[in-house]
């Protein structure tokens, strides 16, 4: 059974409890890494300047503590394997619904950034 690395655990610990609960359950079904939770001003604006985020601080879902957003990636990671990202999204969204939460892979809505998930509230 997959488990989180210490780095994934550290990143996830900066997220709201609902995201921690959902991802903690999902890791038992599918292997993935948590690459980012909360982002401060410097990190958010750096990602904006690099083009990996479309918003400056404090306008991102990562910019509140605990974070309303989390970035994850399937393990092993192949950025070109869309099927792996979609399979991961299916597991995360199903687990979230079972827990009574609306957690979405925003890449499915935006058509880009399949790493990014947001907590939208209770269902």
PDB file of N, CA and C in Angstrom:
ATOM      1  N   UNK A   1       0.854  -1.181   0.000  1.00  0.00           N
ATOM      2  CA  UNK A   1       0.000   0.000   0.000  1.00  0.00           C
ATOM      3  C   UNK A   1       0.897   1.240   0.000  1.00  0.00           C
ATOM      4  N   UNK A   2       0.592   2.207  -0.879  1.00  0.00           N
ATOM      5  CA  UNK A   2       1.403   3.430  -0.926  1.00  0.00           C
ATOM      6  C   UNK A   2       1.262   4.244   0.368  1.00  0.00           C
ATOM      7  N   UNK A   3       2.278   5.012   0.662  1.00  0.00           N
ATOM      8  CA  UNK A   3       2.257   5.957   1.786  1.00  0.00           C
ATOM      9  C   UNK A   3       2.916   7.251   1.324  1.00  0.00           C
ATOM     10  N   UNK A   4       2.649   8.322   2.063  1.00  0.00           N
ATOM     11  CA  UNK A   4       3.256   9.606   1.742  1.00  0.00           C
ATOM     12  C   UNK A   4       4.712   9.645   2.176  1.00  0.00           C
ATOM     13  N   UNK A   5       5.512  10.318   1.378  1.00  0.00           N
ATOM     14  CA  UNK A   5       6.888  10.619   1.768  1.00  0.00           C
ATOM     15  C   UNK A   5       6.841  11.713   2.833  1.00  0.00           C
ATOM     16  N   UNK A   6       7.928  11.909   3.569  1.00  0.00           N
ATOM     17  CA  UNK A   6       7.962  13.016   4.540  1.00  0.00           C
ATOM     18  C   UNK A   6       7.698  14.375   3.887  1.00  0.00           C
ATOM     19  N   UNK A   7       8.193  14.577   2.668  1.00  0.00           N
ATOM     20  CA  UNK A   7       7.963  15.850   1.979  1.00  0.00           C
ATOM     21  C   UNK A   7       6.487  16.031   1.640  1.00  0.00           C
ATOM     22  N   UNK A   8       5.836  14.970   1.160  1.00  0.00           N
ATOM     23  CA  UNK A   8       4.397  15.043   0.874  1.00  0.00           C
ATOM     24  C   UNK A   8       3.610  15.325   2.146  1.00  0.00           C
ATOM     25  N   UNK A   9       3.964  14.657   3.237  1.00  0.00           N
ATOM     26  CA  UNK A   9       3.279  14.896   4.513  1.00  0.00           C
ATOM     27  C   UNK A   9       3.426  16.343   4.957  1.00  0.00           C
ATOM     28  N   UNK A  10       4.630  16.889   4.800  1.00  0.00           N
ATOM     29  CA  UNK A  10       4.884  18.288   5.172  1.00  0.00           C
ATOM     30  C   UNK A  10       4.014  19.228   4.340  1.00  0.00           C
ATOM     31  N   UNK A  11       3.971  19.014   3.033  1.00  0.00           N
ATOM     32  CA  UNK A  11       3.164  19.866   2.157  1.00  0.00           C
ATOM     33  C   UNK A  11       1.673  19.738   2.468  1.00  0.00           C
ATOM     34  N   UNK A  12       1.213  18.518   2.699  1.00  0.00           N
ATOM     35  CA  UNK A  12      -0.196  18.297   2.996  1.00  0.00           C
ATOM     36  C   UNK A  12      -0.595  18.913   4.328  1.00  0.00           C
ATOM     37  N   UNK A  13       0.319  18.963   5.283  1.00  0.00           N
ATOM     38  CA  UNK A  13       0.006  19.515   6.605  1.00  0.00           C
ATOM     39  C   UNK A  13      -0.348  21.002   6.560  1.00  0.00           C
ATOM     40  N   UNK A  14      -0.047  21.675   5.445  1.00  0.00           N
ATOM     41  CA  UNK A  14      -0.368  23.098   5.312  1.00  0.00           C
ATOM     42  C   UNK A  14      -1.757  23.319   4.705  1.00  0.00           C
ATOM     43  N   UNK A  15      -2.469  22.215   4.434  1.00  0.00           N
ATOM     44  CA  UNK A  15      -3.788  22.290   3.794  1.00  0.00           C
ATOM     45  C   UNK A  15      -4.898  22.141   4.821  1.00  0.00           C
ATOM     46  N   UNK A  16      -6.082  22.581   4.443  1.00  0.00           N
ATOM     47  CA  UNK A  16      -7.237  22.479   5.328  1.00  0.00           C
ATOM     48  C   UNK A  16      -7.497  21.019   5.680  1.00  0.00           C
ATOM     49  N   UNK A  17      -8.078  20.752   6.838  1.00  0.00           N
ATOM     50  CA  UNK A  17      -8.288  19.381   7.317  1.00  0.00           C
ATOM     51  C   UNK A  17      -9.064  18.492   6.341  1.00  0.00           C
ATOM     52  N   UNK A  18     -10.002  19.051   5.616  1.00  0.00           N
ATOM     53  CA  UNK A  18     -10.782  18.251   4.669  1.00  0.00           C
ATOM     54  C   UNK A  18      -9.896  17.681   3.557  1.00  0.00           C
ATOM     55  N   UNK A  19      -8.973  18.492   3.062  1.00  0.00           N
ATOM     56  CA  UNK A  19      -8.044  18.006   2.042  1.00  0.00           C
ATOM     57  C   UNK A  19      -7.121  16.944   2.629  1.00  0.00           C
ATOM     58  N   UNK A  20      -6.670  17.152   3.859  1.00  0.00           N
ATOM     59  CA  UNK A  20      -5.822  16.157   4.509  1.00  0.00           C
ATOM     60  C   UNK A  20      -6.568  14.831   4.660  1.00  0.00           C
ATOM     61  N   UNK A  21      -7.829  14.901   5.036  1.00  0.00           N
ATOM     62  CA  UNK A  21      -8.637  13.693   5.216  1.00  0.00           C
ATOM     63  C   UNK A  21      -8.819  12.949   3.886  1.00  0.00           C
ATOM     64  N   UNK A  22      -9.182  13.674   2.850  1.00  0.00           N
ATOM     65  CA  UNK A  22      -9.430  13.056   1.546  1.00  0.00           C
ATOM     66  C   UNK A  22      -8.147  12.441   0.987  1.00  0.00           C
ATOM     67  N   UNK A  23      -7.068  13.199   0.989  1.00  0.00           N
ATOM     68  CA  UNK A  23      -5.830  12.679   0.428  1.00  0.00           C
ATOM     69  C   UNK A  23      -5.251  11.553   1.279  1.00  0.00           C
ATOM     70  N   UNK A  24      -5.446  11.628   2.594  1.00  0.00           N
ATOM     71  CA  UNK A  24      -5.004  10.557   3.474  1.00  0.00           C
ATOM     72  C   UNK A  24      -5.707   9.238   3.188  1.00  0.00           C
ATOM     73  N   UNK A  25      -6.961   9.301   2.796  1.00  0.00           N
ATOM     74  CA  UNK A  25      -7.710   8.095   2.411  1.00  0.00           C
ATOM     75  C   UNK A  25      -7.307   7.642   1.004  1.00  0.00           C
ATOM     76  N   UNK A  26      -7.149   8.577   0.084  1.00  0.00           N
ATOM     77  CA  UNK A  26      -6.839   8.248  -1.309  1.00  0.00           C
ATOM     78  C   UNK A  26      -5.470   7.589  -1.459  1.00  0.00           C
ATOM     79  N   UNK A  27      -4.493   7.966  -0.635  1.00  0.00           N
ATOM     80  CA  UNK A  27      -3.148   7.395  -0.769  1.00  0.00           C
ATOM     81  C   UNK A  27      -3.172   5.889  -0.514  1.00  0.00           C
ATOM     82  N   UNK A  28      -4.190   5.395   0.149  1.00  0.00           N
ATOM     83  CA  UNK A  28      -4.313   3.959   0.403  1.00  0.00           C
ATOM     84  C   UNK A  28      -4.752   3.198  -0.845  1.00  0.00           C
ATOM     85  N   UNK A  29      -5.238   3.954  -1.848  1.00  0.00           N
ATOM     86  CA  UNK A  29      -5.723   3.342  -3.086  1.00  0.00           C
ATOM     87  C   UNK A  29      -4.810   3.565  -4.286  1.00  0.00           C
ATOM     88  N   UNK A  30      -4.130   4.695  -4.301  1.00  0.00           N
ATOM     89  CA  UNK A  30      -3.344   5.068  -5.481  1.00  0.00           C
ATOM     90  C   UNK A  30      -2.147   5.894  -5.026  1.00  0.00           C
ATOM     91  N   UNK A  31      -1.013   5.679  -5.662  1.00  0.00           N
ATOM     92  CA  UNK A  31       0.210   6.365  -5.244  1.00  0.00           C
ATOM     93  C   UNK A  31       0.318   7.727  -5.922  1.00  0.00           C
ATOM     94  N   UNK A  32       0.621   8.736  -5.131  1.00  0.00           N
ATOM     95  CA  UNK A  32       0.806  10.093  -5.634  1.00  0.00           C
ATOM     96  C   UNK A  32       1.645  10.885  -4.652  1.00  0.00           C
ATOM     97  N   UNK A  33       2.144  12.011  -5.104  1.00  0.00           N
ATOM     98  CA  UNK A  33       2.940  12.920  -4.286  1.00  0.00           C
ATOM     99  C   UNK A  33       2.189  14.227  -4.108  1.00  0.00           C
ATOM    100  N   UNK A  34       2.355  14.832  -2.945  1.00  0.00           N
ATOM    101  CA  UNK A  34       1.801  16.160  -2.671  1.00  0.00           C
ATOM    102  C   UNK A  34       2.952  17.142  -2.863  1.00  0.00           C
ATOM    103  N   UNK A  35       2.850  17.967  -3.893  1.00  0.00           N
ATOM    104  CA  UNK A  35       3.962  18.859  -4.236  1.00  0.00           C
ATOM    105  C   UNK A  35       3.828  20.256  -3.662  1.00  0.00           C
ATOM    106  N   UNK A  36       2.600  20.661  -3.313  1.00  0.00           N
ATOM    107  CA  UNK A  36       2.413  22.020  -2.797  1.00  0.00           C
ATOM    108  C   UNK A  36       1.088  22.134  -2.070  1.00  0.00           C
ATOM    109  N   UNK A  37       1.117  22.816  -0.940  1.00  0.00           N
ATOM    110  CA  UNK A  37      -0.093  23.192  -0.211  1.00  0.00           C
ATOM    111  C   UNK A  37      -0.132  24.713  -0.147  1.00  0.00           C
ATOM    112  N   UNK A  38       0.109  25.241   1.056  1.00  0.00           N
ATOM    113  CA  UNK A  38       0.138  26.699   1.239  1.00  0.00           C
ATOM    114  C   UNK A  38       1.311  27.315   0.486  1.00  0.00           C
ATOM    115  N   UNK A  39       1.048  28.492  -0.108  1.00  0.00           N
ATOM    116  CA  UNK A  39       2.091  29.304  -0.742  1.00  0.00           C
ATOM    117  C   UNK A  39       2.038  30.709  -0.174  1.00  0.00           C
ATOM    118  N   UNK A  40       3.179  31.177   0.266  1.00  0.00           N
ATOM    119  CA  UNK A  40       3.294  32.556   0.707  1.00  0.00           C
ATOM    120  C   UNK A  40       3.481  33.500  -0.476  1.00  0.00           C
ATOM    121  N   UNK A  41       3.643  34.774  -0.164  1.00  0.00           N
ATOM    122  CA  UNK A  41       3.737  35.812  -1.189  1.00  0.00           C
ATOM    123  C   UNK A  41       4.886  35.580  -2.163  1.00  0.00           C
ATOM    124  N   UNK A  42       6.063  35.303  -1.638  1.00  0.00           N
ATOM    125  CA  UNK A  42       7.233  35.147  -2.505  1.00  0.00           C
ATOM    126  C   UNK A  42       7.065  33.970  -3.464  1.00  0.00           C
ATOM    127  N   UNK A  43       6.632  32.826  -2.940  1.00  0.00           N
ATOM    128  CA  UNK A  43       6.461  31.635  -3.781  1.00  0.00           C
ATOM    129  C   UNK A  43       5.357  31.840  -4.810  1.00  0.00           C
ATOM    130  N   UNK A  44       4.232  32.435  -4.402  1.00  0.00           N
ATOM    131  CA  UNK A  44       3.123  32.641  -5.338  1.00  0.00           C
ATOM    132  C   UNK A  44       3.528  33.580  -6.468  1.00  0.00           C
ATOM    133  N   UNK A  45       4.166  34.677  -6.126  1.00  0.00           N
ATOM    134  CA  UNK A  45       4.561  35.634  -7.156  1.00  0.00           C
ATOM    135  C   UNK A  45       5.663  35.077  -8.059  1.00  0.00           C
ATOM    136  N   UNK A  46       6.517  34.208  -7.517  1.00  0.00           N
ATOM    137  CA  UNK A  46       7.529  33.537  -8.335  1.00  0.00           C
ATOM    138  C   UNK A  46       6.841  32.633  -9.359  1.00  0.00           C
ATOM    139  N   UNK A  47       5.853  31.880  -8.924  1.00  0.00           N
ATOM    140  CA  UNK A  47       5.140  30.997  -9.854  1.00  0.00           C
ATOM    141  C   UNK A  47       4.364  31.797 -10.900  1.00  0.00           C
ATOM    142  N   UNK A  48       3.826  32.933 -10.501  1.00  0.00           N
ATOM    143  CA  UNK A  48       3.154  33.803 -11.464  1.00  0.00           C
ATOM    144  C   UNK A  48       4.154  34.286 -12.520  1.00  0.00           C
ATOM    145  N   UNK A  49       5.326  34.737 -12.070  1.00  0.00           N
ATOM    146  CA  UNK A  49       6.354  35.236 -12.996  1.00  0.00           C
ATOM    147  C   UNK A  49       6.842  34.134 -13.940  1.00  0.00           C
ATOM    148  N   UNK A  50       6.885  32.896 -13.450  1.00  0.00           N
ATOM    149  CA  UNK A  50       7.331  31.767 -14.274  1.00  0.00           C
ATOM    150  C   UNK A  50       6.231  31.254 -15.211  1.00  0.00           C
ATOM    151  N   UNK A  51       5.005  31.713 -14.983  1.00  0.00           N
ATOM    152  CA  UNK A  51       3.893  31.278 -15.814  1.00  0.00           C
ATOM    153  C   UNK A  51       3.232  29.991 -15.358  1.00  0.00           C
ATOM    154  N   UNK A  52       3.581  29.491 -14.164  1.00  0.00           N
ATOM    155  CA  UNK A  52       2.957  28.268 -13.660  1.00  0.00           C
ATOM    156  C   UNK A  52       1.739  28.559 -12.779  1.00  0.00           C
ATOM    157  N   UNK A  53       1.439  29.828 -12.577  1.00  0.00           N
ATOM    158  CA  UNK A  53       0.209  30.253 -11.914  1.00  0.00           C
ATOM    159  C   UNK A  53      -0.319  31.464 -12.675  1.00  0.00           C
ATOM    160  N   UNK A  54      -1.615  31.605 -12.691  1.00  0.00           N
ATOM    161  CA  UNK A  54      -2.221  32.731 -13.410  1.00  0.00           C
ATOM    162  C   UNK A  54      -2.593  33.896 -12.503  1.00  0.00           C
ATOM    163  N   UNK A  55      -2.334  33.766 -11.205  1.00  0.00           N
ATOM    164  CA  UNK A  55      -2.687  34.832 -10.270  1.00  0.00           C
ATOM    165  C   UNK A  55      -1.508  35.189  -9.380  1.00  0.00           C
ATOM    166  N   UNK A  56      -1.462  36.461  -8.999  1.00  0.00           N
ATOM    167  CA  UNK A  56      -0.476  36.938  -8.031  1.00  0.00           C
ATOM    168  C   UNK A  56      -1.033  36.782  -6.615  1.00  0.00           C
ATOM    169  N   UNK A  57      -0.129  36.798  -5.654  1.00  0.00           N
ATOM    170  CA  UNK A  57      -0.505  36.798  -4.243  1.00  0.00           C
ATOM    171  C   UNK A  57      -1.302  38.067  -3.939  1.00  0.00           C
ATOM    172  N   UNK A  58      -2.368  38.017  -3.197  1.00  0.00           N
ATOM    173  CA  UNK A  58      -2.951  36.947  -2.384  1.00  0.00           C
ATOM    174  C   UNK A  58      -4.168  36.303  -3.040  1.00  0.00           C
ATOM    175  N   UNK A  59      -4.244  36.303  -4.361  1.00  0.00           N
ATOM    176  CA  UNK A  59      -5.463  35.907  -5.064  1.00  0.00           C
ATOM    177  C   UNK A  59      -5.577  34.421  -5.377  1.00  0.00           C
ATOM    178  N   UNK A  60      -4.604  33.603  -4.956  1.00  0.00           N
ATOM    179  CA  UNK A  60      -4.644  32.180  -5.227  1.00  0.00           C
ATOM    180  C   UNK A  60      -5.293  31.387  -4.107  1.00  0.00           C
ATOM    181  N   UNK A  61      -5.839  30.252  -4.465  1.00  0.00           N
ATOM    182  CA  UNK A  61      -6.445  29.356  -3.465  1.00  0.00           C
ATOM    183  C   UNK A  61      -5.385  28.749  -2.541  1.00  0.00           C
ATOM    184  N   UNK A  62      -4.122  28.799  -2.944  1.00  0.00           N
ATOM    185  CA  UNK A  62      -3.020  28.328  -2.104  1.00  0.00           C
ATOM    186  C   UNK A  62      -2.614  29.384  -1.071  1.00  0.00           C
ATOM    187  N   UNK A  63      -3.129  30.600  -1.179  1.00  0.00           N
ATOM    188  CA  UNK A  63      -2.606  31.734  -0.419  1.00  0.00           C
ATOM    189  C   UNK A  63      -3.300  32.014   0.898  1.00  0.00           C
ATOM    190  N   UNK A  64      -4.126  31.105   1.373  1.00  0.00           N
ATOM    191  CA  UNK A  64      -4.709  31.203   2.712  1.00  0.00           C
ATOM    192  C   UNK A  64      -4.165  30.042   3.532  1.00  0.00           C
ATOM    193  N   UNK A  65      -4.133  30.226   4.835  1.00  0.00           N
ATOM    194  CA  UNK A  65      -3.658  29.142   5.695  1.00  0.00           C
ATOM    195  C   UNK A  65      -4.751  28.758   6.676  1.00  0.00           C
ATOM    196  N   UNK A  66      -5.128  27.480   6.703  1.00  0.00           N
ATOM    197  CA  UNK A  66      -4.633  26.398   5.866  1.00  0.00           C
ATOM    198  C   UNK A  66      -5.130  26.536   4.433  1.00  0.00           C
ATOM    199  N   UNK A  67      -4.370  25.985   3.514  1.00  0.00           N
ATOM    200  CA  UNK A  67      -4.620  26.158   2.086  1.00  0.00           C
ATOM    201  C   UNK A  67      -5.919  25.498   1.632  1.00  0.00           C
ATOM    202  N   UNK A  68      -6.632  26.187   0.746  1.00  0.00           N
ATOM    203  CA  UNK A  68      -7.836  25.645   0.106  1.00  0.00           C
ATOM    204  C   UNK A  68      -7.495  24.843  -1.145  1.00  0.00           C
ATOM    205  N   UNK A  69      -6.212  24.810  -1.512  1.00  0.00           N
ATOM    206  CA  UNK A  69      -5.780  24.113  -2.721  1.00  0.00           C
ATOM    207  C   UNK A  69      -4.556  23.264  -2.421  1.00  0.00           C
ATOM    208  N   UNK A  70      -4.389  22.247  -3.231  1.00  0.00           N
ATOM    209  CA  UNK A  70      -3.239  21.363  -3.112  1.00  0.00           C
ATOM    210  C   UNK A  70      -2.829  20.943  -4.525  1.00  0.00           C
ATOM    211  N   UNK A  71      -1.538  20.832  -4.732  1.00  0.00           N
ATOM    212  CA  UNK A  71      -1.026  20.314  -5.997  1.00  0.00           C
ATOM    213  C   UNK A  71      -0.494  18.918  -5.737  1.00  0.00           C
ATOM    214  N   UNK A  72      -0.925  17.973  -6.568  1.00  0.00           N
ATOM    215  CA  UNK A  72      -0.489  16.590  -6.436  1.00  0.00           C
ATOM    216  C   UNK A  72      -0.130  16.065  -7.817  1.00  0.00           C
ATOM    217  N   UNK A  73       0.623  14.973  -7.817  1.00  0.00           N
ATOM    218  CA  UNK A  73       0.953  14.346  -9.096  1.00  0.00           C
ATOM    219  C   UNK A  73       1.024  12.838  -8.905  1.00  0.00           C
ATOM    220  N   UNK A  74       0.619  12.108  -9.933  1.00  0.00           N
ATOM    221  CA  UNK A  74       0.690  10.652  -9.849  1.00  0.00           C
ATOM    222  C   UNK A  74       2.132  10.195  -9.680  1.00  0.00           C
ATOM    223  N   UNK A  75       2.295   9.054  -9.046  1.00  0.00           N
ATOM    224  CA  UNK A  75       3.614   8.458  -8.911  1.00  0.00           C
ATOM    225  C   UNK A  75       3.582   7.083  -9.537  1.00  0.00           C
ATOM    226  N   UNK A  76       4.535   6.738 -10.395  1.00  0.00           N
ATOM    227  CA  UNK A  76       5.620   7.591 -10.866  1.00  0.00           C
ATOM    228  C   UNK A  76       5.096   8.712 -11.757  1.00  0.00           C
ATOM    229  N   UNK A  77       5.853   9.794 -11.799  1.00  0.00           N
ATOM    230  CA  UNK A  77       5.403  11.002 -12.480  1.00  0.00           C
ATOM    231  C   UNK A  77       5.871  11.031 -13.927  1.00  0.00           C
ATOM    232  N   UNK A  78       4.898  11.139 -14.827  1.00  0.00           N
ATOM    233  CA  UNK A  78       5.164  11.389 -16.244  1.00  0.00           C
ATOM    234  C   UNK A  78       4.231  12.531 -16.638  1.00  0.00           C
ATOM    235  N   UNK A  79       4.761  13.740 -16.819  1.00  0.00           N
ATOM    236  CA  UNK A  79       3.894  14.893 -17.092  1.00  0.00           C
ATOM    237  C   UNK A  79       3.065  14.759 -18.363  1.00  0.00           C
ATOM    238  N   UNK A  80       3.407  13.805 -19.224  1.00  0.00           N
ATOM    239  CA  UNK A  80       2.668  13.616 -20.476  1.00  0.00           C
ATOM    240  C   UNK A  80       1.618  12.511 -20.404  1.00  0.00           C
ATOM    241  N   UNK A  81       1.504  11.848 -19.264  1.00  0.00           N
ATOM    242  CA  UNK A  81       0.569  10.740 -19.114  1.00  0.00           C
ATOM    243  C   UNK A  81      -0.769  11.257 -18.560  1.00  0.00           C
ATOM    244  N   UNK A  82      -1.589  11.804 -19.445  1.00  0.00           N
ATOM    245  CA  UNK A  82      -2.875  12.364 -19.035  1.00  0.00           C
ATOM    246  C   UNK A  82      -3.774  11.308 -18.397  1.00  0.00           C
ATOM    247  N   UNK A  83      -3.693  10.073 -18.862  1.00  0.00           N
ATOM    248  CA  UNK A  83      -4.510   9.010 -18.281  1.00  0.00           C
ATOM    249  C   UNK A  83      -4.204   8.813 -16.802  1.00  0.00           C
ATOM    250  N   UNK A  84      -2.935   8.901 -16.414  1.00  0.00           N
ATOM    251  CA  UNK A  84      -2.561   8.758 -15.002  1.00  0.00           C
ATOM    252  C   UNK A  84      -3.146   9.901 -14.176  1.00  0.00           C
ATOM    253  N   UNK A  85      -3.130  11.119 -14.713  1.00  0.00           N
ATOM    254  CA  UNK A  85      -3.712  12.262 -14.005  1.00  0.00           C
ATOM    255  C   UNK A  85      -5.225  12.098 -13.856  1.00  0.00           C
ATOM    256  N   UNK A  86      -5.883  11.625 -14.913  1.00  0.00           N
ATOM    257  CA  UNK A  86      -7.337  11.450 -14.863  1.00  0.00           C
ATOM    258  C   UNK A  86      -7.737  10.320 -13.919  1.00  0.00           C
ATOM    259  N   UNK A  87      -6.950   9.255 -13.882  1.00  0.00           N
ATOM    260  CA  UNK A  87      -7.223   8.162 -12.940  1.00  0.00           C
ATOM    261  C   UNK A  87      -7.078   8.663 -11.508  1.00  0.00           C
ATOM    262  N   UNK A  88      -6.043   9.447 -11.246  1.00  0.00           N
ATOM    263  CA  UNK A  88      -5.851  10.022  -9.921  1.00  0.00           C
ATOM    264  C   UNK A  88      -7.018  10.929  -9.553  1.00  0.00           C
ATOM    265  N   UNK A  89      -7.443  11.770 -10.491  1.00  0.00           N
ATOM    266  CA  UNK A  89      -8.576  12.670 -10.241  1.00  0.00           C
ATOM    267  C   UNK A  89      -9.838  11.883  -9.921  1.00  0.00           C
ATOM    268  N   UNK A  90     -10.057  10.792 -10.616  1.00  0.00           N
ATOM    269  CA  UNK A  90     -11.234   9.962 -10.375  1.00  0.00           C
ATOM    270  C   UNK A  90     -11.243   9.440  -8.929  1.00  0.00           C
ATOM    271  N   UNK A  91     -10.094   8.965  -8.465  1.00  0.00           N
ATOM    272  CA  UNK A  91      -9.994   8.447  -7.094  1.00  0.00           C
ATOM    273  C   UNK A  91     -10.208   9.568  -6.083  1.00  0.00           C
ATOM    274  N   UNK A  92      -9.513  10.681  -6.259  1.00  0.00           N
ATOM    275  CA  UNK A  92      -9.620  11.798  -5.301  1.00  0.00           C
ATOM    276  C   UNK A  92     -11.057  12.303  -5.227  1.00  0.00           C
ATOM    277  N   UNK A  93     -11.682  12.535  -6.365  1.00  0.00           N
ATOM    278  CA  UNK A  93     -13.046  13.081  -6.371  1.00  0.00           C
ATOM    279  C   UNK A  93     -14.058  12.082  -5.797  1.00  0.00           C
ATOM    280  N   UNK A  94     -13.855  10.798  -6.038  1.00  0.00           N
ATOM    281  CA  UNK A  94     -14.752   9.778  -5.466  1.00  0.00           C
ATOM    282  C   UNK A  94     -14.611   9.717  -3.951  1.00  0.00           C
ATOM    283  N   UNK A  95     -13.378   9.697  -3.460  1.00  0.00           N
ATOM    284  CA  UNK A  95     -13.144   9.668  -2.018  1.00  0.00           C
ATOM    285  C   UNK A  95     -13.750  10.920  -1.370  1.00  0.00           C
ATOM    286  N   UNK A  96     -13.564  12.065  -1.997  1.00  0.00           N
ATOM    287  CA  UNK A  96     -14.110  13.318  -1.465  1.00  0.00           C
ATOM    288  C   UNK A  96     -15.632  13.243  -1.347  1.00  0.00           C
ATOM    289  N   UNK A  97     -16.295  12.780  -2.401  1.00  0.00           N
ATOM    290  CA  UNK A  97     -17.763  12.658  -2.361  1.00  0.00           C
ATOM    291  C   UNK A  97     -18.215  11.726  -1.238  1.00  0.00           C
ATOM    292  N   UNK A  98     -17.503  10.612  -1.076  1.00  0.00           N
ATOM    293  CA  UNK A  98     -17.843   9.660  -0.012  1.00  0.00           C
ATOM    294  C   UNK A  98     -17.686  10.286   1.365  1.00  0.00           C
ATOM    295  N   UNK A  99     -16.773  11.221   1.498  1.00  0.00           N
ATOM    296  CA  UNK A  99     -16.561  11.926   2.766  1.00  0.00           C
ATOM    297  C   UNK A  99     -17.497  13.128   2.922  1.00  0.00           C
ATOM    298  N   UNK A 100     -18.261  13.443   1.863  1.00  0.00           N
ATOM    299  CA  UNK A 100     -19.182  14.568   1.917  1.00  0.00           C
ATOM    300  C   UNK A 100     -18.580  15.899   1.521  1.00  0.00           C
ATOM    301  N   UNK A 101     -17.464  15.853   0.791  1.00  0.00           N
ATOM    302  CA  UNK A 101     -16.777  17.077   0.373  1.00  0.00           C
ATOM    303  C   UNK A 101     -16.773  17.216  -1.144  1.00  0.00           C
ATOM    304  N   UNK A 102     -16.725  18.452  -1.583  1.00  0.00           N
ATOM    305  CA  UNK A 102     -16.552  18.766  -2.999  1.00  0.00           C
ATOM    306  C   UNK A 102     -15.095  19.182  -3.191  1.00  0.00           C
ATOM    307  N   UNK A 103     -14.295  18.257  -3.680  1.00  0.00           N
ATOM    308  CA  UNK A 103     -12.891  18.510  -4.008  1.00  0.00           C
ATOM    309  C   UNK A 103     -12.745  18.199  -5.491  1.00  0.00           C
ATOM    310  N   UNK A 104     -12.236  19.162  -6.233  1.00  0.00           N
ATOM    311  CA  UNK A 104     -12.183  19.019  -7.689  1.00  0.00           C
ATOM    312  C   UNK A 104     -10.768  19.144  -8.230  1.00  0.00           C
ATOM    313  N   UNK A 105     -10.498  18.328  -9.251  1.00  0.00           N
ATOM    314  CA  UNK A 105      -9.301  18.498 -10.060  1.00  0.00           C
ATOM    315  C   UNK A 105      -9.629  19.626 -11.032  1.00  0.00           C
ATOM    316  N   UNK A 106      -9.037  20.777 -10.818  1.00  0.00           N
ATOM    317  CA  UNK A 106      -9.393  21.941 -11.623  1.00  0.00           C
ATOM    318  C   UNK A 106      -8.912  21.810 -13.061  1.00  0.00           C
ATOM    319  N   UNK A 107      -7.935  20.972 -13.316  1.00  0.00           N
ATOM    320  CA  UNK A 107      -7.490  20.738 -14.682  1.00  0.00           C
ATOM    321  C   UNK A 107      -8.594  20.191 -15.562  1.00  0.00           C
ATOM    322  N   UNK A 108      -9.491  19.402 -14.970  1.00  0.00           N
ATOM    323  CA  UNK A 108     -10.607  18.867 -15.741  1.00  0.00           C
ATOM    324  C   UNK A 108     -11.544  19.989 -16.179  1.00  0.00           C
ATOM    325  N   UNK A 109     -11.663  21.043 -15.381  1.00  0.00           N
ATOM    326  CA  UNK A 109     -12.522  22.171 -15.736  1.00  0.00           C
ATOM    327  C   UNK A 109     -11.810  23.172 -16.627  1.00  0.00           C
ATOM    328  N   UNK A 110     -10.525  23.388 -16.361  1.00  0.00           N
ATOM    329  CA  UNK A 110      -9.773  24.400 -17.089  1.00  0.00           C
ATOM    330  C   UNK A 110      -9.164  23.880 -18.379  1.00  0.00           C
ATOM    331  N   UNK A 111      -8.905  22.569 -18.445  1.00  0.00           N
ATOM    332  CA  UNK A 111      -8.215  22.003 -19.592  1.00  0.00           C
ATOM    333  C   UNK A 111      -6.703  22.135 -19.489  1.00  0.00           C
ATOM    334  N   UNK A 112      -6.219  22.516 -18.325  1.00  0.00           N
ATOM    335  CA  UNK A 112      -4.784  22.620 -18.053  1.00  0.00           C
ATOM    336  C   UNK A 112      -4.589  22.516 -16.549  1.00  0.00           C
ATOM    337  N   UNK A 113      -3.397  22.321 -16.093  1.00  0.00           N
ATOM    338  CA  UNK A 113      -3.047  22.233 -14.670  1.00  0.00           C
ATOM    339  C   UNK A 113      -3.778  21.081 -13.977  1.00  0.00           C
ATOM    340  N   UNK A 114      -3.521  19.878 -14.431  1.00  0.00           N
ATOM    341  CA  UNK A 114      -4.114  18.683 -13.841  1.00  0.00           C
ATOM    342  C   UNK A 114      -3.480  18.323 -12.496  1.00  0.00           C
ATOM    343  N   UNK A 115      -2.539  19.120 -12.034  1.00  0.00           N
ATOM    344  CA  UNK A 115      -1.923  18.944 -10.715  1.00  0.00           C
ATOM    345  C   UNK A 115      -2.792  19.569  -9.615  1.00  0.00           C
ATOM    346  N   UNK A 116      -3.611  20.541  -9.948  1.00  0.00           N
ATOM    347  CA  UNK A 116      -4.258  21.433  -8.991  1.00  0.00           C
ATOM    348  C   UNK A 116      -5.650  20.947  -8.582  1.00  0.00           C
ATOM    349  N   UNK A 117      -5.856  20.830  -7.258  1.00  0.00           N
ATOM    350  CA  UNK A 117      -7.140  20.441  -6.673  1.00  0.00           C
ATOM    351  C   UNK A 117      -7.581  21.527  -5.704  1.00  0.00           C
ATOM    352  N   UNK A 118      -8.890  21.771  -5.670  1.00  0.00           N
ATOM    353  CA  UNK A 118      -9.431  22.772  -4.751  1.00  0.00           C
ATOM    354  C   UNK A 118     -10.574  22.194  -3.924  1.00  0.00           C
ATOM    355  N   UNK A 119     -10.585  22.604  -2.663  1.00  0.00           N
ATOM    356  CA  UNK A 119     -11.714  22.293  -1.789  1.00  0.00           C
ATOM    357  C   UNK A 119     -12.786  23.344  -2.052  1.00  0.00           C
ATOM    358  N   UNK A 120     -13.984  22.880  -2.430  1.00  0.00           N
ATOM    359  CA  UNK A 120     -15.080  23.791  -2.770  1.00  0.00           C
ATOM    360  C   UNK A 120     -16.161  23.849  -1.692  1.00  0.00           C
ATOM    361  N   UNK A 121     -16.113  22.943  -0.717  1.00  0.00           N
ATOM    362  CA  UNK A 121     -17.095  22.951   0.352  1.00  0.00           C
ATOM    363  C   UNK A 121     -17.671  21.556   0.569  1.00  0.00           C
ATOM    364  N   UNK A 122     -18.778  21.529   1.279  1.00  0.00           N
ATOM    365  CA  UNK A 122     -19.466  20.264   1.531  1.00  0.00           C
ATOM    366  C   UNK A 122     -20.480  20.019   0.428  1.00  0.00           C
ATOM    367  N   UNK A 123     -20.743  18.745   0.141  1.00  0.00           N
ATOM    368  CA  UNK A 123     -21.745  18.407  -0.871  1.00  0.00           C
ATOM    369  C   UNK A 123     -23.099  18.253  -0.244  1.00  0.00           C
TER     370      UNK A 123
END
